[in-house]
Amino acid sequence: MARVELIMPKMGESVSEATIISWSKNVGDMLEMDETIVEIATDKVDSEVPSTHEGKLVEMLFEADDVVQVGEPFAILETEGGEDSTAAKTTSAPVKEETVKRVEAPVATVITTITNTGDRFYSPLVRSMASEEGIEMTELETIPGSGKEGRVTKSDMVSYLKNRGTAQVTAPVKTETPKTAPATKTVEAPKHTPVNIPNTGGTEIVEMDRMRKLISAHMTMSKQTSAHITSFVEADMTNIVNWRNSVKAGFKEREGQNITFTPIIIQALAQSVKDFPMINVSVDGTTIHIHKNVNIGMAAALPDGNLIVPVIKECQNKNLVGITKAVNDLAVRARGGKLKPDDIQGGTITMTNVGTFGNLMGTPIINQPQVAILACGIIKKKPVVLETAEGDVIAIRHMMFLSLSYDHRVVDGALGGQFVRRVADYLEQFDTNTIV
């Protein structure tokens, strides 16, 4: 018999850890190769981790809600394999010991293990952030919490770390004496004042689910980070509506999927980014990161009412058919809970279709660290004045509002207004001879 460690796999670019949601097996259960052993969560995506070996689960190294680093063992199996498995383990043992020393030694100097003690609960995400920043439990307990029962949320940690970092930079060189502690505590996040909600006699109180808490923290952080401003234009979608009506049946028969307005709008968005590259940026303090690839996030509503933003990568290199297939694939997998961590990483600008719900327009919140998000309203018939060679006429046209929310720290009104107008221009100038 041999004992094999199951390692938390790499789950996508920039994903370094995962939170265990639940175990699919118990100690003593037998596992087959590729059988799910644990369900995990990374940021917004829930995933299943399969076993890389066949054998008996003899030890769980973590419990539900614990955070596991990528590359770290999370379970131990007892496998059949005799000499082959034992030999492989023996041969790799020196390499393993050497690797552990190389990886764990520096981590021990900067990471503090934070556990829930006393009456105050800390989520795995907060504990992980505290560990990465070297925050001791005594310091963590001083951070005001805006969550339920005074719990510290992600946004509380972000605000605290921002002020903490400023205090450390401007303060004199830190020494090891306890006297420096007050310098860190002088700048704190504003204290949360509990809301006095009257009991009307018919009130049900429910806890936010994990994804709703993440969305809440991310949206609050975005409003605190960016100076939001929104510009509106109206686009004539008549030619696109007529073109889509003429090709959708043939496209469905040939490709086995629908062609919607979303990929057409995404293509126009990508074309406009090429004309105005400074809209396709991210902000890090006082530096601006200009992205060469146009990776467009597509906000999608999930069946449970939550929101997720899968990303269509390198839209500047895709034609309309390629964008359509990518949109349909991500939408189907999002609704089925089959997105991978990579599918929601690397977005540079976002598009959301509020018209799906019959809304005329919207003022969306920027998806950090991006600086712009485009909202598309419902396509609605209305009378419009058209200028012709024979004079002005009133005609029935399919019109749609576009609204662009952008970060006024780096995008001025001229750029934001010109950009959203350019998106409308590309939609109105759509080539009705396009073949898909």
Protein backbone atom coordinates (compact mmCIF):
# COMPACT_ATOMS: atom_id res chain seq x y z
CA MET A 1 0.00 0.00 0.00
CA ALA A 2 1.14 3.55 -0.66
CA ARG A 3 -0.02 6.95 0.57
CA VAL A 4 -0.53 9.66 -2.05
CA GLU A 5 -1.09 13.36 -1.47
CA LEU A 6 -3.75 15.06 -3.60
CA ILE A 7 -2.55 18.54 -4.61
CA MET A 8 -4.80 21.56 -5.19
CA PRO A 9 -4.46 22.11 -8.95
CA LYS A 10 -3.80 25.39 -10.75
CA MET A 11 -7.21 26.80 -11.60
CA GLY A 12 -6.41 29.70 -13.87
CA GLU A 13 -4.28 32.75 -14.36
CA SER A 14 -3.82 34.78 -11.15
CA VAL A 15 -5.80 32.25 -9.10
CA SER A 16 -3.57 31.29 -6.17
CA GLU A 17 -6.03 29.81 -3.68
CA ALA A 18 -9.44 28.22 -3.30
CA THR A 19 -12.00 27.91 -0.53
CA ILE A 20 -13.37 24.44 0.18
CA ILE A 21 -17.16 24.47 -0.08
CA SER A 22 -17.83 20.82 0.74
CA TRP A 23 -16.31 17.35 0.57
CA SER A 24 -17.93 14.87 -1.79
CA LYS A 25 -16.36 11.91 0.03
CA ASN A 26 -15.79 10.89 3.64
CA VAL A 27 -12.74 9.33 5.25
CA GLY A 28 -12.77 5.62 4.42
CA ASP A 29 -14.58 6.07 1.08
CA MET A 30 -13.08 4.64 -2.10
CA LEU A 31 -12.36 6.97 -5.03
CA GLU A 32 -11.96 6.21 -8.68
CA MET A 33 -9.68 8.12 -11.03
CA ASP A 34 -11.23 11.49 -12.00
CA GLU A 35 -14.06 11.13 -9.47
CA THR A 36 -14.97 14.36 -7.69
CA ILE A 37 -13.55 14.55 -4.18
CA VAL A 38 -14.16 18.17 -3.19
CA GLU A 39 -16.07 21.26 -4.34
CA ILE A 40 -14.18 24.55 -4.22
CA ALA A 41 -14.81 28.24 -4.82
CA THR A 42 -12.43 30.75 -6.39
CA ASP A 43 -13.69 34.32 -6.36
CA LYS A 44 -16.99 33.82 -8.27
CA VAL A 45 -16.58 30.39 -9.84
CA ASP A 46 -17.48 27.14 -8.09
CA SER A 47 -15.55 24.12 -9.35
CA GLU A 48 -15.17 20.42 -8.69
CA VAL A 49 -11.74 18.89 -8.08
CA PRO A 50 -11.35 15.30 -9.30
CA SER A 51 -9.06 12.70 -7.77
CA THR A 52 -5.81 12.14 -9.66
CA HIS A 53 -5.48 8.61 -8.21
CA GLU A 54 -7.62 5.62 -7.37
CA GLY A 55 -7.72 4.57 -3.73
CA LYS A 56 -9.17 5.07 -0.24
CA LEU A 57 -9.52 8.52 1.33
CA VAL A 58 -7.65 8.23 4.63
CA GLU A 59 -7.18 11.86 5.63
CA MET A 60 -8.78 15.26 4.95
CA LEU A 61 -6.19 17.96 5.53
CA PHE A 62 -8.75 20.80 5.48
CA GLU A 63 -12.36 21.38 6.47
CA ALA A 64 -15.19 23.24 4.75
CA ASP A 65 -14.59 27.01 4.54
CA ASP A 66 -10.81 26.55 4.82
CA VAL A 67 -8.60 28.27 2.23
CA VAL A 68 -6.13 26.05 0.34
CA GLN A 69 -3.22 27.42 -1.67
CA VAL A 70 -2.63 26.16 -5.22
CA GLY A 71 0.01 23.42 -5.10
CA GLU A 72 -0.75 22.55 -1.48
CA PRO A 73 -1.88 19.01 -0.46
CA PHE A 74 -5.52 18.88 0.65
CA ALA A 75 -6.13 15.14 1.10
CA ILE A 76 -4.28 11.83 1.43
CA LEU A 77 -5.26 8.62 -0.35
CA GLU A 78 -4.16 5.07 0.33
CA THR A 79 -3.61 3.41 -3.02
CA GLU A 80 -2.93 -0.05 -4.34
CA GLY A 81 0.30 -0.08 -6.27
CA GLY A 82 2.82 -1.99 -4.27
CA GLU A 83 6.38 -1.46 -5.36
CA ASP A 84 5.64 0.88 -8.27
CA SER A 85 3.76 3.44 -6.13
CA THR A 86 6.19 3.08 -3.24
CA ALA A 87 9.20 3.42 -5.50
CA ALA A 88 7.80 6.53 -7.11
CA LYS A 89 7.15 8.06 -3.71
CA THR A 90 10.63 7.11 -2.45
CA THR A 91 12.33 8.48 -5.52
CA SER A 92 10.49 11.77 -5.33
CA ALA A 93 10.87 12.17 -1.57
CA PRO A 94 14.16 14.12 -1.60
CA VAL A 95 12.82 16.41 -4.31
CA LYS A 96 9.66 16.96 -2.28
CA GLU A 97 11.55 17.84 0.89
CA GLU A 98 13.74 20.25 -1.03
CA THR A 99 10.69 21.86 -2.62
CA VAL A 100 8.92 22.24 0.72
CA LYS A 101 11.94 23.95 2.22
CA ARG A 102 12.25 26.30 -0.72
CA VAL A 103 8.57 27.26 -0.84
CA GLU A 104 7.52 27.22 2.79
CA ALA A 105 10.54 28.91 4.38
CA PRO A 106 9.97 32.41 2.94
CA VAL A 107 6.21 32.10 3.35
CA ALA A 108 6.61 31.55 7.08
CA THR A 109 8.23 34.98 7.42
CA VAL A 110 5.37 36.90 5.83
CA ILE A 111 2.22 34.83 6.35
CA THR A 112 0.45 34.53 9.67
CA THR A 113 -2.15 31.82 10.14
CA ILE A 114 -5.42 33.42 11.19
CA THR A 115 -8.05 31.24 12.85
CA ASN A 116 -11.48 32.07 14.19
CA THR A 117 -11.25 32.56 17.93
CA GLY A 118 -13.57 34.19 20.41
CA ASP A 119 -16.98 35.60 19.45
CA ARG A 120 -16.01 37.33 16.19
CA PHE A 121 -16.17 35.30 12.99
CA TYR A 122 -13.76 35.90 10.11
CA SER A 123 -14.53 34.51 6.66
CA PRO A 124 -11.87 32.45 4.81
CA LEU A 125 -11.34 35.35 2.39
CA VAL A 126 -10.70 37.85 5.22
CA ARG A 127 -8.41 35.40 7.02
CA SER A 128 -6.48 34.81 3.80
CA MET A 129 -6.09 38.55 3.13
CA ALA A 130 -4.89 39.08 6.69
CA SER A 131 -2.36 36.26 6.38
CA GLU A 132 -0.97 37.56 3.09
CA GLU A 133 -0.53 41.06 4.53
CA GLY A 134 1.09 39.80 7.76
CA ILE A 135 -1.77 41.06 9.96
CA GLU A 136 -1.75 39.43 13.39
CA MET A 137 -5.00 38.47 15.13
CA THR A 138 -4.55 41.32 17.62
CA GLU A 139 -4.48 43.82 14.73
CA LEU A 140 -7.32 42.10 12.87
CA GLU A 141 -9.55 42.47 15.91
CA THR A 142 -9.14 46.26 15.77
CA ILE A 143 -10.52 46.54 12.21
CA PRO A 144 -14.13 47.84 12.26
CA GLY A 145 -16.54 45.56 10.42
CA SER A 146 -19.50 46.71 8.32
CA GLY A 147 -20.97 43.22 7.92
CA LYS A 148 -23.64 41.46 9.90
CA GLU A 149 -22.94 41.52 13.65
CA GLY A 150 -19.84 43.63 12.98
CA ARG A 151 -18.11 41.09 10.75
CA VAL A 152 -15.16 42.30 8.70
CA THR A 153 -15.89 42.17 4.96
CA LYS A 154 -13.60 42.24 1.94
CA SER A 155 -14.33 45.95 1.39
CA ASP A 156 -13.43 46.64 5.04
CA MET A 157 -10.10 44.89 4.49
CA VAL A 158 -9.45 46.75 1.23
CA SER A 159 -10.11 50.13 2.90
CA TYR A 160 -8.03 49.24 5.94
CA LEU A 161 -5.07 47.96 3.89
CA LYS A 162 -5.13 51.07 1.70
CA ASN A 163 -4.89 53.34 4.73
CA ARG A 164 -2.51 51.00 6.50
CA GLY A 165 -0.14 51.03 3.53
CA THR A 166 -0.27 54.84 3.36
CA ALA A 167 0.48 55.10 7.04
CA GLN A 168 3.46 52.76 6.74
CA VAL A 169 4.94 54.64 3.79
CA THR A 170 4.67 58.07 5.36
CA ALA A 171 5.71 56.99 8.84
CA PRO A 172 9.34 56.77 9.94
CA VAL A 173 11.24 53.53 9.32
CA LYS A 174 9.49 50.73 11.20
CA THR A 175 11.30 49.18 14.14
CA GLU A 176 10.54 46.02 16.05
CA THR A 177 9.43 47.88 19.21
CA PRO A 178 5.73 47.80 20.14
CA LYS A 179 5.63 51.60 20.13
CA THR A 180 5.05 51.61 16.35
CA ALA A 181 1.69 49.88 16.70
CA PRO A 182 -0.36 53.05 17.35
CA ALA A 183 0.91 54.53 14.06
CA THR A 184 -0.94 51.78 12.18
CA LYS A 185 -4.12 52.15 14.20
CA THR A 186 -4.43 55.91 13.76
CA VAL A 187 -5.95 55.49 10.29
CA GLU A 188 -8.98 53.21 10.32
CA ALA A 189 -11.97 52.53 8.11
CA PRO A 190 -15.13 54.38 9.19
CA LYS A 191 -17.12 52.52 11.80
CA HIS A 192 -20.32 50.86 10.64
CA THR A 193 -23.49 52.20 12.22
CA PRO A 194 -26.14 49.48 12.55
CA VAL A 195 -29.33 50.26 10.63
CA ASN A 196 -32.45 50.42 12.77
CA ILE A 197 -34.88 48.43 10.63
CA PRO A 198 -38.40 48.43 12.07
CA ASN A 199 -40.10 45.08 12.60
CA THR A 200 -43.29 45.27 10.56
CA GLY A 201 -44.50 41.89 11.79
CA GLY A 202 -44.09 40.18 8.42
CA THR A 203 -40.33 40.31 7.93
CA GLU A 204 -38.15 37.35 6.99
CA ILE A 205 -34.41 37.71 7.63
CA VAL A 206 -32.08 35.68 5.40
CA GLU A 207 -28.30 35.57 5.15
CA MET A 208 -26.69 36.52 1.82
CA ASP A 209 -25.24 33.53 -0.01
CA ARG A 210 -21.50 33.46 -0.69
CA MET A 211 -21.70 34.87 -4.22
CA ARG A 212 -24.02 37.70 -3.20
CA LYS A 213 -21.57 38.69 -0.46
CA LEU A 214 -18.74 38.76 -3.02
CA ILE A 215 -20.80 40.84 -5.44
CA SER A 216 -21.79 43.23 -2.64
CA ALA A 217 -18.19 43.73 -1.59
CA HIS A 218 -16.95 44.15 -5.18
CA MET A 219 -19.63 46.67 -6.16
CA THR A 220 -19.14 48.72 -2.99
CA MET A 221 -15.38 48.72 -3.53
CA SER A 222 -15.85 49.87 -7.13
CA LYS A 223 -17.98 52.87 -6.13
CA GLN A 224 -15.44 53.79 -3.44
CA THR A 225 -12.54 53.43 -5.89
CA SER A 226 -13.73 55.07 -9.12
CA ALA A 227 -15.29 58.45 -9.82
CA HIS A 228 -18.29 57.18 -11.81
CA ILE A 229 -19.83 59.19 -14.63
CA THR A 230 -22.25 58.01 -17.34
CA SER A 231 -22.82 59.20 -20.92
CA PHE A 232 -25.82 58.23 -23.08
CA VAL A 233 -26.47 57.97 -26.82
CA GLU A 234 -29.27 56.47 -28.89
CA ALA A 235 -28.49 54.12 -31.77
CA ASP A 236 -30.66 53.23 -34.76
CA MET A 237 -30.65 49.41 -34.87
CA THR A 238 -33.12 49.05 -37.75
CA ASN A 239 -30.63 47.70 -40.31
CA ILE A 240 -29.24 45.21 -37.78
CA VAL A 241 -32.71 44.02 -36.77
CA ASN A 242 -33.69 43.45 -40.40
CA TRP A 243 -30.38 41.72 -41.20
CA ARG A 244 -30.62 39.40 -38.20
CA ASN A 245 -34.19 38.46 -39.08
CA SER A 246 -33.00 37.47 -42.56
CA VAL A 247 -30.08 35.26 -41.41
CA LYS A 248 -31.06 33.79 -38.04
CA ALA A 249 -32.92 30.77 -39.42
CA GLY A 250 -30.05 29.78 -41.74
CA PHE A 251 -27.47 30.35 -39.01
CA LYS A 252 -29.45 28.20 -36.57
CA GLU A 253 -29.74 25.38 -39.12
CA ARG A 254 -26.06 25.50 -40.07
CA GLU A 255 -24.41 26.19 -36.69
CA GLY A 256 -26.98 24.68 -34.34
CA GLN A 257 -27.17 27.85 -32.24
CA ASN A 258 -28.84 31.27 -32.28
CA ILE A 259 -27.30 34.53 -33.38
CA THR A 260 -28.38 37.33 -31.04
CA PHE A 261 -27.73 41.06 -30.88
CA THR A 262 -25.09 40.64 -28.16
CA PRO A 263 -22.18 39.52 -30.42
CA ILE A 264 -22.97 42.31 -32.89
CA ILE A 265 -22.74 44.89 -30.09
CA ILE A 266 -19.55 43.27 -28.76
CA GLN A 267 -17.98 43.49 -32.24
CA ALA A 268 -18.85 47.20 -32.42
CA LEU A 269 -17.41 47.67 -28.92
CA ALA A 270 -14.15 45.99 -29.95
CA GLN A 271 -13.91 48.14 -33.09
CA SER A 272 -14.42 51.29 -31.02
CA VAL A 273 -11.70 50.26 -28.56
CA LYS A 274 -9.30 50.09 -31.50
CA ASP A 275 -10.16 53.73 -32.27
CA PHE A 276 -9.93 54.83 -28.63
CA PRO A 277 -7.34 52.59 -26.91
CA MET A 278 -7.27 54.70 -23.74
CA ILE A 279 -10.70 53.31 -22.83
CA ASN A 280 -9.17 49.81 -22.67
CA VAL A 281 -7.02 50.45 -19.61
CA SER A 282 -6.75 49.65 -15.91
CA VAL A 283 -5.60 51.87 -13.07
CA ASP A 284 -3.12 50.93 -10.36
CA GLY A 285 -2.59 53.89 -8.06
CA THR A 286 -1.11 56.58 -10.30
CA THR A 287 -0.13 54.25 -13.14
CA ILE A 288 -2.25 53.37 -16.17
CA HIS A 289 -2.01 49.91 -17.76
CA ILE A 290 -2.92 50.07 -21.47
CA HIS A 291 -4.10 46.66 -22.69
CA LYS A 292 -3.29 45.51 -26.21
CA ASN A 293 -5.88 42.73 -26.21
CA VAL A 294 -9.57 43.60 -26.10
CA ASN A 295 -11.00 41.13 -23.59
CA ILE A 296 -14.68 41.94 -23.23
CA GLY A 297 -16.56 40.82 -20.14
CA MET A 298 -20.17 39.85 -20.73
CA ALA A 299 -22.33 40.32 -17.64
CA ALA A 300 -24.71 37.37 -17.32
CA ALA A 301 -27.56 36.83 -14.89
CA LEU A 302 -27.63 33.39 -13.27
CA PRO A 303 -30.78 31.37 -12.53
CA ASP A 304 -30.38 32.11 -8.80
CA GLY A 305 -30.45 35.85 -9.47
CA ASN A 306 -26.73 36.41 -8.97
CA LEU A 307 -24.38 37.92 -11.54
CA ILE A 308 -21.24 36.62 -13.20
CA VAL A 309 -19.00 38.12 -15.90
CA PRO A 310 -17.36 35.61 -18.26
CA VAL A 311 -14.76 37.09 -20.60
CA ILE A 312 -14.44 36.79 -24.38
CA LYS A 313 -10.69 36.94 -24.99
CA GLU A 314 -8.98 38.83 -27.84
CA CYS A 315 -12.14 40.11 -29.50
CA GLN A 316 -10.00 42.21 -31.85
CA ASN A 317 -8.93 38.96 -33.57
CA LYS A 318 -12.41 37.40 -33.88
CA ASN A 319 -15.00 37.84 -36.62
CA LEU A 320 -18.73 37.95 -35.96
CA VAL A 321 -19.14 34.18 -36.15
CA GLY A 322 -16.26 33.64 -33.73
CA ILE A 323 -17.68 36.15 -31.25
CA THR A 324 -21.15 34.60 -31.58
CA LYS A 325 -19.87 31.11 -30.78
CA ALA A 326 -17.86 32.41 -27.82
CA VAL A 327 -20.88 34.32 -26.46
CA ASN A 328 -23.18 31.30 -26.75
CA ASP A 329 -20.64 28.93 -25.22
CA LEU A 330 -19.98 31.15 -22.20
CA ALA A 331 -23.69 31.89 -21.68
CA VAL A 332 -24.61 28.19 -21.68
CA ARG A 333 -21.79 27.24 -19.31
CA ALA A 334 -22.56 30.19 -17.01
CA ARG A 335 -26.20 29.11 -16.64
CA GLY A 336 -25.10 25.52 -16.04
CA GLY A 337 -22.45 26.43 -13.47
CA LYS A 338 -19.70 25.01 -15.71
CA LEU A 339 -17.44 28.06 -16.05
CA LYS A 340 -13.76 27.61 -15.28
CA PRO A 341 -11.67 30.15 -13.34
CA ASP A 342 -9.93 31.24 -16.55
CA ASP A 343 -13.31 32.11 -18.08
CA ILE A 344 -13.78 35.09 -15.75
CA GLN A 345 -10.17 36.32 -15.70
CA GLY A 346 -8.45 39.03 -17.71
CA GLY A 347 -11.34 41.27 -18.75
CA THR A 348 -10.37 44.77 -19.93
CA ILE A 349 -13.84 46.28 -20.57
CA THR A 350 -17.38 45.03 -19.87
CA MET A 351 -20.72 45.02 -21.64
CA THR A 352 -24.09 44.37 -19.96
CA ASN A 353 -27.43 43.99 -21.71
CA VAL A 354 -30.11 45.52 -19.48
CA GLY A 355 -32.52 45.39 -22.41
CA THR A 356 -32.91 41.66 -21.75
CA PHE A 357 -35.16 42.62 -18.84
CA GLY A 358 -37.12 45.20 -20.83
CA ASN A 359 -35.13 48.13 -19.42
CA LEU A 360 -34.73 51.25 -21.52
CA MET A 361 -31.28 52.15 -20.17
CA GLY A 362 -29.05 51.72 -17.12
CA THR A 363 -26.10 53.22 -15.24
CA PRO A 364 -23.89 50.19 -14.57
CA ILE A 365 -21.10 50.01 -11.98
CA ILE A 366 -17.55 49.63 -13.32
CA ASN A 367 -16.04 46.16 -12.99
CA GLN A 368 -12.71 46.89 -11.25
CA PRO A 369 -9.91 47.28 -12.18
CA GLN A 370 -11.40 48.24 -15.56
CA VAL A 371 -12.41 51.83 -16.29
CA ALA A 372 -15.53 51.45 -18.45
CA ILE A 373 -18.69 49.38 -18.80
CA LEU A 374 -21.29 49.64 -21.58
CA ALA A 375 -24.99 49.02 -20.96
CA CYS A 376 -27.39 48.29 -23.81
CA GLY A 377 -31.10 48.96 -23.41
CA ILE A 378 -34.08 47.30 -25.04
CA ILE A 379 -34.45 47.67 -28.82
CA LYS A 380 -37.77 49.46 -29.18
CA LYS A 381 -39.80 50.75 -32.13
CA LYS A 382 -40.43 54.50 -32.04
CA PRO A 383 -41.07 57.40 -34.43
CA VAL A 384 -37.85 59.11 -35.44
CA VAL A 385 -37.15 62.17 -37.58
CA LEU A 386 -34.93 61.23 -40.56
CA GLU A 387 -33.12 63.70 -42.75
CA THR A 388 -33.43 62.86 -46.47
CA ALA A 389 -32.52 64.62 -49.70
CA GLU A 390 -36.20 65.46 -50.11
CA GLY A 391 -36.50 66.85 -46.57
CA ASP A 392 -37.20 65.60 -43.08
CA VAL A 393 -39.56 62.66 -42.63
CA ILE A 394 -40.91 60.76 -39.65
CA ALA A 395 -40.35 57.00 -39.78
CA ILE A 396 -40.75 54.02 -37.45
CA ARG A 397 -37.26 52.80 -36.46
CA HIS A 398 -35.78 50.27 -34.04
CA MET A 399 -33.91 52.37 -31.49
CA MET A 400 -31.66 51.43 -28.57
CA PHE A 401 -30.04 53.48 -25.81
CA LEU A 402 -26.36 52.90 -25.04
CA SER A 403 -24.98 54.10 -21.70
CA LEU A 404 -21.29 54.09 -20.82
CA SER A 405 -20.18 54.36 -17.20
CA TYR A 406 -16.51 55.29 -16.97
CA ASP A 407 -13.86 56.17 -14.42
CA HIS A 408 -13.47 59.95 -14.40
CA ARG A 409 -10.04 59.63 -12.78
CA VAL A 410 -8.57 58.66 -16.17
CA VAL A 411 -11.41 58.99 -18.71
CA ASP A 412 -12.68 62.52 -19.29
CA GLY A 413 -16.10 63.38 -20.64
CA ALA A 414 -14.78 63.99 -24.14
CA LEU A 415 -13.22 60.53 -24.42
CA GLY A 416 -16.16 58.77 -22.78
CA GLY A 417 -18.72 60.61 -24.90
CA GLN A 418 -16.82 60.12 -28.17
CA PHE A 419 -16.31 56.44 -27.43
CA VAL A 420 -19.95 55.57 -26.78
CA ARG A 421 -20.94 57.63 -29.84
CA ARG A 422 -18.45 55.62 -31.92
CA VAL A 423 -20.04 52.37 -30.76
CA ALA A 424 -23.42 53.69 -31.94
CA ASP A 425 -21.87 54.75 -35.27
CA TYR A 426 -20.49 51.26 -35.91
CA LEU A 427 -23.91 49.76 -35.14
CA GLU A 428 -25.71 52.17 -37.44
CA GLN A 429 -23.15 51.58 -40.23
CA PHE A 430 -23.40 47.79 -39.94
CA ASP A 431 -22.85 46.08 -43.30
CA THR A 432 -26.09 44.29 -44.16
CA ASN A 433 -24.21 42.22 -46.72
CA THR A 434 -22.27 40.47 -43.93
CA ILE A 435 -22.32 36.70 -44.40
CA VAL A 436 -22.38 34.42 -41.35
